[in-house]
Amino acid sequence: MTTKASEPDSSTLPARRWLLLINVQIVTLMYGIAITSATIVLPHIQGALSVNQDQASWTMTLFLVGSAVTMPITGWLAGWLGWRRLMVGTLIGFTLSTIACGLATNLEALLLARTIQGVFAAPLMPLGQGMLLATFPKRQHAMALMLWGIGGTMGPVLGPILGGLVGEALGWRWTFLFLAPISMLSILIAIFALGDQQRGTSGKLGWMGFLSLAIAIGSAQLLLDRGHRLDWLESFEISAELFICLLAILFFIGSTLYSRTPLFERTIFSNWNFTLGLLTMLLMGALSFTPITLFPMLLQDLRGYPDAAAGILLSARGFGNLASFFIVVHFTKFNAKLALITGMALQIWAGWAMSNLNINMTEYDVFWTNFVQGFGFGLAYTPMTVLAFATLSTKLAVQGSALFNMMRNFGSSLFLSLSVLILLRSAAENYSGLSQIINPMNPILSSPDTVSQWNVISVESIAKISEEITIQSLMGGYLNAFQLFTWVAVSALVLSCLYRSNRTPQR
């Protein structure tokens, strides 16, 4: 039975709603794992396929590019195919491409399969979120989004942990292959849980808008992912990608404003809370992925923690997310805007604490800062989404969700690139300044206390001091990157104060 896009899906039985929710949780969790699990086994891929680090990193880049290009048309695809056909077809493509990743015998085959995997993975999160918003009544949106958020927040946390464990035990190929049976299970659930809601409601696809946005996102993803490796505008590749990106953005804006068939409904951008939500989601991308990316490198490279130990410490963020779920629904129903502001304030607190760590930090320091960050993120995400979608029509739920997740992914790429740039540049500046003291003629190094501790007369001791300065320089770079995180959280707090409704509508 086809449900009109303008009407809530009141025909969906409560039992099927919960089955739908379970399926959405699974696919959302799977999407997060698919993004991050491969990062931990990149060295193994390098060795197995005889490629260098830059070549292996394309397995991450092309997945994100494929995902970013496809995600904006999720709403149109949902209206053309219907929920069930889109979900099942997407999962079948994801399963086959995941198996192809695990069976790849050379880099070219792996990159092709990984790109296709990203294309089919793209609709999973926006379609899942949009289906929940369209199916559950507004009074239950906070609860549904909270449960959905378990998959969205835990996936990136579990990805490196599971990827490391599976890769170490069974080999890098199983980092991809273990997702296939999970995807097959989700296919079976989707067949029984979903109907053909919204099928046949799509008009013509705005090809000009789609192509220009796809080119803009794809080129932006490439330059952000590869910029720090190619020294940004010093590289012809990065300069060309920047030019193409800016030109494509201009074409997209023109298409949105003047085309008879825009890619997105123009009315969606006239909704104050939703447009504000898009800007907030851009910043939430940084708040979501920056700690996940920076902390493993800090713990493994500077403190020498093994993969398993680092994964256990960083699981604190996931525990923080889970802890927030016990109060976020009631807090959101009571006052969504206050809940959002509180969550952002906790992000600022966590960022300040992370930017004040030092090389002698304890396991407790790492655990509690990540716990607070995860708790604050979980507390902010649900009310922010509820506020953004509170006045958006049901027919725009999937389209709006696609825009939301696209902004989150782009924000993640943008701020991760900025964080890595700050990390590397500040570390180099710190080393340049500190290394000047590594001189046997320096009176500080000739003092009795220093000589007794370091024996600076020997070449070996000078080298040891140089190594220590390298560590301290990198630590300073990490702290500067965490300061960027803090300022992003401050900006998100400012945006949070601008939402017009401070109470979620009950309907």
Protein backbone atom coordinates (compact mmCIF):
# COMPACT_ATOMS: atom_id res chain seq x y z
CA MET A 1 0.00 0.00 0.00
CA THR A 2 1.32 3.41 -0.96
CA THR A 3 1.23 6.13 1.65
CA LYS A 4 0.93 9.72 0.57
CA ALA A 5 4.02 11.70 1.31
CA SER A 6 2.06 14.45 2.99
CA GLU A 7 0.57 12.15 5.60
CA PRO A 8 2.20 10.48 8.58
CA ASP A 9 2.38 6.73 8.27
CA SER A 10 -0.34 6.08 10.78
CA SER A 11 -1.15 2.77 9.09
CA THR A 12 2.08 1.22 10.31
CA LEU A 13 1.33 -1.08 13.23
CA PRO A 14 3.28 -0.49 16.46
CA ALA A 15 4.95 -3.93 16.14
CA ARG A 16 6.21 -3.10 12.66
CA ARG A 17 7.38 0.30 13.86
CA TRP A 18 9.61 -1.37 16.43
CA LEU A 19 10.83 -3.90 13.86
CA LEU A 20 11.63 -0.98 11.57
CA LEU A 21 13.51 0.72 14.42
CA ILE A 22 15.59 -2.40 15.06
CA ASN A 23 16.48 -2.62 11.38
CA VAL A 24 17.39 1.05 11.24
CA GLN A 25 19.66 0.60 14.27
CA ILE A 26 21.41 -2.32 12.58
CA VAL A 27 22.06 -0.53 9.28
CA THR A 28 23.16 2.67 11.03
CA LEU A 29 25.59 0.73 13.21
CA MET A 30 26.84 -1.11 10.13
CA TYR A 31 27.42 2.15 8.25
CA GLY A 32 29.56 3.56 11.06
CA ILE A 33 31.57 0.34 11.32
CA ALA A 34 32.08 0.25 7.54
CA ILE A 35 33.60 3.75 7.61
CA THR A 36 36.03 3.29 10.47
CA SER A 37 36.85 -0.43 10.70
CA ALA A 38 39.17 -0.32 7.68
CA THR A 39 41.36 2.40 9.23
CA ILE A 40 42.91 0.00 11.73
CA VAL A 41 44.00 -2.53 9.08
CA LEU A 42 45.52 -0.12 6.54
CA PRO A 43 49.08 -1.30 7.41
CA HIS A 44 48.01 -4.90 6.72
CA ILE A 45 46.49 -3.86 3.39
CA GLN A 46 49.75 -2.11 2.50
CA GLY A 47 51.73 -5.28 3.11
CA ALA A 48 49.29 -7.70 1.50
CA LEU A 49 48.80 -5.68 -1.69
CA SER A 50 52.35 -4.23 -1.84
CA VAL A 51 51.26 -0.59 -1.84
CA ASN A 52 52.41 2.50 0.03
CA GLN A 53 50.53 4.39 2.73
CA ASP A 54 49.15 7.02 0.36
CA GLN A 55 47.78 4.36 -2.00
CA ALA A 56 46.20 2.40 0.85
CA SER A 57 44.53 5.54 2.20
CA TRP A 58 42.45 5.73 -0.99
CA THR A 59 40.34 2.91 0.48
CA MET A 60 38.98 5.45 2.96
CA THR A 61 38.85 8.40 0.59
CA LEU A 62 36.89 6.67 -2.18
CA PHE A 63 34.36 5.19 0.26
CA LEU A 64 33.63 8.68 1.57
CA VAL A 65 33.48 10.13 -1.96
CA GLY A 66 31.07 7.43 -3.12
CA SER A 67 28.92 7.95 -0.06
CA ALA A 68 28.95 11.74 -0.31
CA VAL A 69 27.94 11.75 -3.98
CA THR A 70 24.95 9.44 -3.53
CA MET A 71 23.57 10.66 -0.20
CA PRO A 72 21.90 13.88 -1.49
CA ILE A 73 19.48 11.97 -3.74
CA THR A 74 18.27 9.58 -1.03
CA GLY A 75 14.99 11.50 -0.74
CA TRP A 76 14.35 11.30 -4.48
CA LEU A 77 15.22 7.59 -4.57
CA ALA A 78 12.86 6.93 -1.65
CA GLY A 79 10.03 8.61 -3.54
CA TRP A 80 10.83 6.75 -6.76
CA LEU A 81 11.37 3.24 -5.41
CA GLY A 82 9.61 3.31 -2.04
CA TRP A 83 11.12 2.48 1.31
CA ARG A 84 11.26 -1.30 0.98
CA ARG A 85 12.77 -1.43 -2.53
CA LEU A 86 15.34 1.22 -1.74
CA MET A 87 16.40 -0.35 1.56
CA VAL A 88 16.54 -3.92 0.23
CA GLY A 89 18.27 -2.89 -3.01
CA THR A 90 20.77 -0.77 -1.11
CA LEU A 91 21.56 -3.58 1.33
CA ILE A 92 22.00 -6.13 -1.48
CA GLY A 93 24.46 -3.80 -3.22
CA PHE A 94 26.24 -3.13 0.07
CA THR A 95 26.53 -6.85 0.81
CA LEU A 96 27.95 -7.75 -2.62
CA SER A 97 30.42 -4.85 -2.62
CA THR A 98 31.51 -5.72 0.94
CA ILE A 99 32.26 -9.29 -0.14
CA ALA A 100 34.13 -7.91 -3.16
CA CYS A 101 36.27 -5.79 -0.81
CA GLY A 102 37.22 -8.87 1.19
CA LEU A 103 38.04 -10.91 -1.93
CA ALA A 104 40.02 -8.21 -3.76
CA THR A 105 43.42 -9.44 -4.99
CA ASN A 106 44.88 -6.08 -5.99
CA LEU A 107 44.55 -2.41 -5.10
CA GLU A 108 42.48 -1.49 -8.16
CA ALA A 109 39.84 -4.10 -7.37
CA LEU A 110 39.72 -3.05 -3.71
CA LEU A 111 39.32 0.65 -4.58
CA LEU A 112 36.52 -0.09 -7.07
CA ALA A 113 34.69 -2.29 -4.57
CA ARG A 114 35.20 0.23 -1.79
CA THR A 115 33.77 3.04 -3.95
CA ILE A 116 30.70 0.96 -4.80
CA GLN A 117 30.34 0.06 -1.12
CA GLY A 118 30.24 3.78 -0.28
CA VAL A 119 27.62 4.42 -2.99
CA PHE A 120 25.30 1.75 -1.60
CA ALA A 121 26.02 2.64 2.03
CA ALA A 122 25.10 6.30 1.51
CA PRO A 123 21.29 5.99 1.76
CA LEU A 124 21.34 3.85 4.90
CA MET A 125 21.56 6.59 7.54
CA PRO A 126 19.33 9.27 5.96
CA LEU A 127 16.73 6.72 4.88
CA GLY A 128 16.69 5.17 8.34
CA GLN A 129 16.35 8.50 10.11
CA GLY A 130 13.75 9.75 7.64
CA MET A 131 11.65 6.59 8.01
CA LEU A 132 11.58 6.95 11.79
CA LEU A 133 10.56 10.62 11.59
CA ALA A 134 7.81 9.80 9.07
CA THR A 135 6.55 6.69 10.88
CA PHE A 136 6.62 7.56 14.57
CA PRO A 137 4.30 10.32 15.85
CA LYS A 138 6.01 13.56 16.83
CA ARG A 139 5.52 12.88 20.53
CA GLN A 140 7.75 9.80 20.10
CA HIS A 141 10.43 11.42 17.93
CA ALA A 142 12.82 11.99 20.83
CA MET A 143 12.60 8.35 21.90
CA ALA A 144 12.96 7.01 18.34
CA LEU A 145 15.91 9.26 17.54
CA MET A 146 17.58 8.40 20.85
CA LEU A 147 17.40 4.68 20.05
CA TRP A 148 18.48 5.33 16.46
CA GLY A 149 21.40 7.33 17.81
CA ILE A 150 22.79 4.24 19.52
CA GLY A 151 23.77 2.89 16.13
CA GLY A 152 24.90 6.27 14.80
CA THR A 153 27.20 7.01 17.72
CA MET A 154 28.41 3.52 18.55
CA GLY A 155 29.31 2.52 14.98
CA PRO A 156 32.35 4.82 14.66
CA VAL A 157 33.44 3.82 18.18
CA LEU A 158 33.11 0.07 17.62
CA GLY A 159 34.56 0.15 14.10
CA PRO A 160 38.26 0.47 15.01
CA ILE A 161 37.88 -1.93 17.94
CA LEU A 162 36.13 -4.66 15.95
CA GLY A 163 38.30 -4.02 12.91
CA GLY A 164 41.43 -4.45 14.99
CA LEU A 165 40.23 -7.60 16.74
CA VAL A 166 38.87 -9.27 13.60
CA GLY A 167 41.85 -8.20 11.49
CA GLU A 168 44.35 -9.47 14.06
CA ALA A 169 42.57 -12.79 14.53
CA LEU A 170 41.45 -13.61 10.97
CA GLY A 171 43.26 -11.23 8.63
CA TRP A 172 42.39 -7.88 7.03
CA ARG A 173 39.92 -9.40 4.56
CA TRP A 174 37.56 -10.37 7.37
CA THR A 175 37.40 -6.75 8.48
CA PHE A 176 35.13 -6.38 5.45
CA LEU A 177 33.64 -9.87 5.24
CA PHE A 178 32.22 -10.00 8.77
CA LEU A 179 29.74 -7.25 7.81
CA ALA A 180 28.14 -9.37 5.07
CA PRO A 181 26.03 -11.68 7.33
CA ILE A 182 24.86 -8.65 9.35
CA SER A 183 23.72 -7.00 6.12
CA MET A 184 21.91 -10.19 5.05
CA LEU A 185 20.03 -10.26 8.36
CA SER A 186 19.00 -6.65 7.81
CA ILE A 187 17.66 -7.54 4.35
CA LEU A 188 15.34 -10.15 5.84
CA ILE A 189 14.07 -7.74 8.48
CA ALA A 190 13.49 -5.01 5.88
CA ILE A 191 11.38 -7.33 3.74
CA PHE A 192 8.94 -7.92 6.61
CA ALA A 193 9.14 -4.52 8.34
CA LEU A 194 8.78 -2.13 5.40
CA GLY A 195 6.09 -1.37 2.89
CA ASP A 196 6.12 0.74 -0.26
CA GLN A 197 5.66 4.03 1.58
CA GLN A 198 6.28 7.14 -0.55
CA ARG A 199 6.73 5.10 -3.75
CA GLY A 200 5.72 7.07 -6.79
CA THR A 201 5.88 10.47 -5.06
CA SER A 202 9.09 11.67 -6.72
CA GLY A 203 8.98 14.14 -9.54
CA LYS A 204 11.77 14.66 -12.02
CA LEU A 205 15.29 14.54 -10.64
CA GLY A 206 17.06 17.88 -10.84
CA TRP A 207 20.02 16.59 -12.80
CA MET A 208 21.84 19.91 -12.94
CA GLY A 209 21.61 20.27 -9.17
CA PHE A 210 22.59 16.65 -8.57
CA LEU A 211 25.59 16.65 -10.90
CA SER A 212 26.90 20.00 -9.65
CA LEU A 213 26.47 18.97 -5.99
CA ALA A 214 28.05 15.57 -6.64
CA ILE A 215 31.07 17.20 -8.29
CA ALA A 216 31.32 19.79 -5.50
CA ILE A 217 31.15 17.20 -2.73
CA GLY A 218 33.45 14.74 -4.49
CA SER A 219 36.15 17.34 -5.21
CA ALA A 220 35.82 18.80 -1.69
CA GLN A 221 36.17 15.33 -0.17
CA LEU A 222 39.29 14.66 -2.23
CA LEU A 223 41.01 17.95 -1.39
CA LEU A 224 40.18 17.69 2.32
CA ASP A 225 41.36 14.09 2.56
CA ARG A 226 44.56 14.56 0.54
CA GLY A 227 45.39 18.20 1.20
CA HIS A 228 47.68 17.65 4.17
CA ARG A 229 49.56 14.90 2.32
CA LEU A 230 50.14 17.07 -0.77
CA ASP A 231 50.86 20.37 1.06
CA TRP A 232 47.56 21.95 0.09
CA LEU A 233 47.72 24.72 -2.53
CA GLU A 234 51.35 23.92 -3.27
CA SER A 235 49.94 20.92 -5.16
CA PHE A 236 48.38 21.33 -8.61
CA GLU A 237 45.92 18.52 -7.79
CA ILE A 238 44.58 20.31 -4.70
CA SER A 239 44.38 23.68 -6.50
CA ALA A 240 42.43 22.09 -9.36
CA GLU A 241 40.06 20.33 -6.96
CA LEU A 242 39.42 23.61 -5.12
CA PHE A 243 38.63 25.43 -8.37
CA ILE A 244 36.28 22.66 -9.53
CA CYS A 245 34.58 22.60 -6.13
CA LEU A 246 33.91 26.35 -6.08
CA LEU A 247 32.64 26.33 -9.67
CA ALA A 248 30.32 23.40 -8.96
CA ILE A 249 28.95 25.15 -5.86
CA LEU A 250 28.03 28.18 -7.97
CA PHE A 251 26.21 25.94 -10.46
CA PHE A 252 24.37 24.21 -7.59
CA ILE A 253 23.24 27.51 -6.06
CA GLY A 254 22.03 28.70 -9.45
CA SER A 255 20.15 25.46 -10.03
CA THR A 256 18.52 25.59 -6.59
CA LEU A 257 17.36 29.19 -7.05
CA TYR A 258 16.23 29.18 -10.68
CA SER A 259 15.70 25.62 -11.95
CA ARG A 260 12.17 24.32 -12.45
CA THR A 261 13.28 20.99 -11.00
CA PRO A 262 15.67 21.77 -8.12
CA LEU A 263 17.37 18.85 -6.41
CA PHE A 264 15.90 19.91 -3.05
CA GLU A 265 12.58 21.60 -2.37
CA ARG A 266 13.25 25.33 -1.99
CA THR A 267 10.84 25.49 0.92
CA ILE A 268 13.10 23.24 2.98
CA PHE A 269 15.66 26.06 3.27
CA SER A 270 13.05 28.61 4.35
CA ASN A 271 12.45 26.68 7.58
CA TRP A 272 14.49 28.55 10.22
CA ASN A 273 15.05 25.67 12.64
CA PHE A 274 15.93 23.21 9.89
CA THR A 275 18.41 25.56 8.22
CA LEU A 276 19.93 26.29 11.61
CA GLY A 277 20.06 22.54 12.16
CA LEU A 278 22.10 22.09 8.98
CA LEU A 279 24.70 24.57 10.26
CA THR A 280 24.72 22.90 13.66
CA MET A 281 25.11 19.48 12.05
CA LEU A 282 28.16 20.74 10.15
CA LEU A 283 29.78 21.48 13.51
CA MET A 284 28.46 18.24 15.03
CA GLY A 285 30.49 16.37 12.41
CA ALA A 286 33.64 17.79 13.98
CA LEU A 287 32.43 17.04 17.51
CA SER A 288 31.60 13.48 16.51
CA PHE A 289 34.70 12.31 14.65
CA THR A 290 37.63 14.50 15.74
CA PRO A 291 38.25 12.83 19.14
CA ILE A 292 37.75 9.38 17.60
CA THR A 293 40.48 10.11 15.06
CA LEU A 294 43.00 12.04 17.16
CA PHE A 295 43.04 10.05 20.39
CA PRO A 296 44.07 6.67 18.88
CA MET A 297 47.07 8.31 17.18
CA LEU A 298 48.00 10.14 20.39
CA LEU A 299 47.79 7.04 22.57
CA GLN A 300 49.54 4.69 20.13
CA ASP A 301 52.25 6.98 18.75
CA LEU A 302 53.15 9.06 21.82
CA ARG A 303 52.25 6.79 24.73
CA GLY A 304 52.88 3.40 23.13
CA TYR A 305 49.49 1.89 23.99
CA PRO A 306 48.65 -1.30 22.07
CA ASP A 307 45.58 -1.26 19.82
CA ALA A 308 43.39 -3.19 22.28
CA ALA A 309 44.25 -0.97 25.26
CA ALA A 310 43.67 2.22 23.26
CA GLY A 311 40.35 0.84 22.05
CA ILE A 312 39.23 0.07 25.61
CA LEU A 313 40.10 3.57 26.81
CA LEU A 314 38.32 5.22 23.90
CA SER A 315 35.23 3.08 24.45
CA ALA A 316 34.52 5.58 27.24
CA ARG A 317 32.97 7.82 24.59
CA GLY A 318 30.52 5.07 23.75
CA PHE A 319 29.71 4.58 27.42
CA GLY A 320 29.07 8.32 27.67
CA ASN A 321 26.68 8.11 24.72
CA LEU A 322 24.82 5.25 26.35
CA ALA A 323 24.63 7.05 29.70
CA SER A 324 23.06 10.10 28.05
CA PHE A 325 20.30 7.95 26.58
CA PHE A 326 18.84 7.37 30.04
CA ILE A 327 17.91 11.05 30.42
CA VAL A 328 17.87 12.58 26.94
CA VAL A 329 14.29 11.57 26.06
CA HIS A 330 12.75 13.06 29.20
CA PHE A 331 15.05 16.10 29.03
CA THR A 332 14.09 16.70 25.40
CA LYS A 333 10.38 16.42 26.12
CA PHE A 334 10.74 18.81 29.05
CA ASN A 335 12.76 21.44 27.19
CA ALA A 336 14.56 20.49 23.99
CA LYS A 337 16.45 23.76 23.66
CA LEU A 338 17.79 23.55 27.21
CA ALA A 339 18.86 19.95 26.63
CA LEU A 340 20.71 21.00 23.47
CA ILE A 341 22.48 23.88 25.22
CA THR A 342 23.48 21.64 28.13
CA GLY A 343 24.94 19.04 25.75
CA MET A 344 26.95 21.67 23.90
CA ALA A 345 28.23 23.12 27.19
CA LEU A 346 29.51 19.66 28.13
CA GLN A 347 31.27 19.50 24.74
CA ILE A 348 33.06 22.75 25.59
CA TRP A 349 34.05 21.38 29.01
CA ALA A 350 35.41 18.19 27.45
CA GLY A 351 37.29 20.16 24.78
CA TRP A 352 38.86 22.41 27.43
CA ALA A 353 39.93 19.34 29.41
CA MET A 354 41.41 17.66 26.32
CA SER A 355 43.34 20.81 25.37
CA ASN A 356 44.91 20.85 28.87
CA LEU A 357 46.21 17.30 28.88
CA ASN A 358 49.96 16.62 28.94
CA ILE A 359 52.28 13.80 27.95
CA ASN A 360 52.01 12.32 31.47
CA MET A 361 48.24 11.94 31.28
CA THR A 362 46.78 8.93 33.03
CA GLU A 363 44.25 6.37 31.85
CA TYR A 364 41.74 8.13 34.07
CA ASP A 365 42.34 11.44 32.27
CA VAL A 366 41.71 9.83 28.87
CA PHE A 367 38.68 7.90 30.07
CA TRP A 368 36.77 10.70 31.79
CA THR A 369 37.37 13.33 29.07
CA ASN A 370 36.10 10.94 26.41
CA PHE A 371 33.17 9.93 28.63
CA VAL A 372 32.09 13.56 29.13
CA GLN A 373 32.49 14.25 25.41
CA GLY A 374 30.36 11.25 24.51
CA PHE A 375 27.75 12.13 27.14
CA GLY A 376 27.51 15.70 25.90
CA PHE A 377 27.26 14.64 22.27
CA GLY A 378 24.50 12.15 23.03
CA LEU A 379 22.66 14.75 25.10
CA ALA A 380 22.84 17.35 22.30
CA TYR A 381 22.16 15.25 19.20
CA THR A 382 18.60 14.11 19.89
CA PRO A 383 17.10 17.49 20.91
CA MET A 384 18.93 19.21 18.04
CA THR A 385 17.35 16.82 15.55
CA VAL A 386 13.93 17.09 17.17
CA LEU A 387 14.04 20.89 17.05
CA ALA A 388 15.26 20.94 13.45
CA PHE A 389 12.54 18.60 12.19
CA ALA A 390 9.72 19.77 14.47
CA THR A 391 8.15 22.05 11.86
CA LEU A 392 9.29 20.22 8.73
CA SER A 393 6.58 18.43 6.78
CA THR A 394 6.56 14.63 6.75
CA LYS A 395 7.07 14.43 3.00
CA LEU A 396 10.44 16.17 3.40
CA ALA A 397 11.68 13.90 6.22
CA VAL A 398 13.91 11.65 4.10
CA GLN A 399 15.17 14.55 1.99
CA GLY A 400 15.91 16.54 5.14
CA SER A 401 17.69 13.55 6.70
CA ALA A 402 19.86 13.21 3.59
CA LEU A 403 20.89 16.86 3.91
CA PHE A 404 21.54 16.40 7.63
CA ASN A 405 23.82 13.41 7.21
CA MET A 406 25.57 14.97 4.23
CA MET A 407 26.42 18.02 6.36
CA ARG A 408 27.63 15.79 9.18
CA ASN A 409 29.95 13.84 6.88
CA PHE A 410 31.24 17.00 5.24
CA GLY A 411 31.80 18.62 8.63
CA SER A 412 33.74 15.56 9.74
CA SER A 413 36.02 15.70 6.68
CA LEU A 414 36.46 19.48 6.90
CA PHE A 415 37.40 19.66 10.56
CA LEU A 416 39.48 16.48 10.55
CA SER A 417 41.58 17.98 7.75
CA LEU A 418 41.89 21.25 9.68
CA SER A 419 42.81 19.33 12.85
CA VAL A 420 45.51 17.32 11.08
CA LEU A 421 46.84 20.51 9.47
CA ILE A 422 47.02 22.27 12.86
CA LEU A 423 48.60 19.19 14.42
CA LEU A 424 51.37 18.85 11.83
CA ARG A 425 52.11 22.57 11.39
CA SER A 426 52.20 23.37 15.10
CA ALA A 427 54.28 20.25 15.83
CA ALA A 428 56.83 21.35 13.21
CA GLU A 429 56.95 24.88 14.66
CA ASN A 430 57.30 23.51 18.19
CA TYR A 431 60.14 21.24 17.14
CA SER A 432 61.92 24.05 15.31
CA GLY A 433 61.80 26.22 18.41
CA LEU A 434 62.64 23.57 20.97
CA SER A 435 65.41 21.91 18.94
CA GLN A 436 67.52 25.04 19.12
CA ILE A 437 68.37 24.20 22.70
CA ILE A 438 69.92 20.86 21.68
CA ASN A 439 73.46 22.17 21.67
CA PRO A 440 76.30 20.99 23.92
CA MET A 441 77.37 24.65 24.35
CA ASN A 442 73.98 25.57 25.85
CA PRO A 443 74.67 26.47 29.51
CA ILE A 444 71.36 24.92 30.56
CA LEU A 445 72.48 21.56 29.23
CA SER A 446 75.84 21.96 30.95
CA SER A 447 74.38 22.41 34.43
CA PRO A 448 75.14 19.66 36.96
CA ASP A 449 71.50 18.62 37.32
CA THR A 450 71.04 18.25 33.57
CA VAL A 451 74.34 16.42 33.12
CA SER A 452 73.48 13.97 35.90
CA GLN A 453 70.10 13.25 34.39
CA TRP A 454 70.87 13.22 30.68
CA ASN A 455 74.66 12.94 30.34
CA VAL A 456 74.44 15.43 27.49
CA ILE A 457 78.10 15.05 26.59
CA SER A 458 77.38 11.91 24.57
CA VAL A 459 75.86 11.80 21.12
CA GLU A 460 73.40 9.15 22.31
CA SER A 461 72.03 11.45 24.98
CA ILE A 462 71.66 14.32 22.53
CA ALA A 463 69.65 12.00 20.29
CA LYS A 464 67.54 10.95 23.28
CA ILE A 465 66.78 14.56 24.13
CA SER A 466 65.89 15.18 20.48
CA GLU A 467 63.45 12.28 20.61
CA GLU A 468 61.87 13.71 23.76
CA ILE A 469 61.49 17.09 22.05
CA THR A 470 59.78 15.37 19.10
CA ILE A 471 57.26 13.81 21.48
CA GLN A 472 56.64 17.09 23.29
CA SER A 473 56.26 18.93 19.97
CA LEU A 474 53.67 16.46 18.74
CA MET A 475 51.85 16.67 22.06
CA GLY A 476 51.64 20.43 21.62
CA GLY A 477 50.19 19.86 18.15
CA TYR A 478 47.50 17.58 19.55
CA LEU A 479 46.59 20.14 22.21
CA ASN A 480 46.21 22.83 19.53
CA ALA A 481 43.93 20.51 17.56
CA PHE A 482 41.83 19.97 20.69
CA GLN A 483 41.62 23.75 21.08
CA LEU A 484 40.02 23.89 17.62
CA PHE A 485 37.54 21.29 18.86
CA THR A 486 36.73 23.54 21.82
CA TRP A 487 36.07 26.58 19.63
CA VAL A 488 33.86 24.49 17.34
CA ALA A 489 31.85 23.49 20.42
CA VAL A 490 31.58 27.15 21.43
CA SER A 491 30.24 28.00 17.95
CA ALA A 492 27.73 25.16 18.20
CA LEU A 493 26.58 26.49 21.58
CA VAL A 494 25.96 29.92 20.05
CA LEU A 495 23.86 28.35 17.27
CA SER A 496 21.94 26.33 19.87
CA CYS A 497 20.71 29.53 21.47
CA LEU A 498 19.14 30.68 18.19
CA TYR A 499 16.48 27.96 17.82
CA ARG A 500 13.04 29.53 17.96
CA SER A 501 11.13 26.88 19.83
CA ASN A 502 12.28 25.84 23.24
CA ARG A 503 9.69 23.13 23.66
CA THR A 504 8.98 20.29 21.29
CA PRO A 505 5.44 20.30 19.89
CA GLN A 506 3.27 17.45 21.08
CA ARG A 507 1.02 16.00 18.43
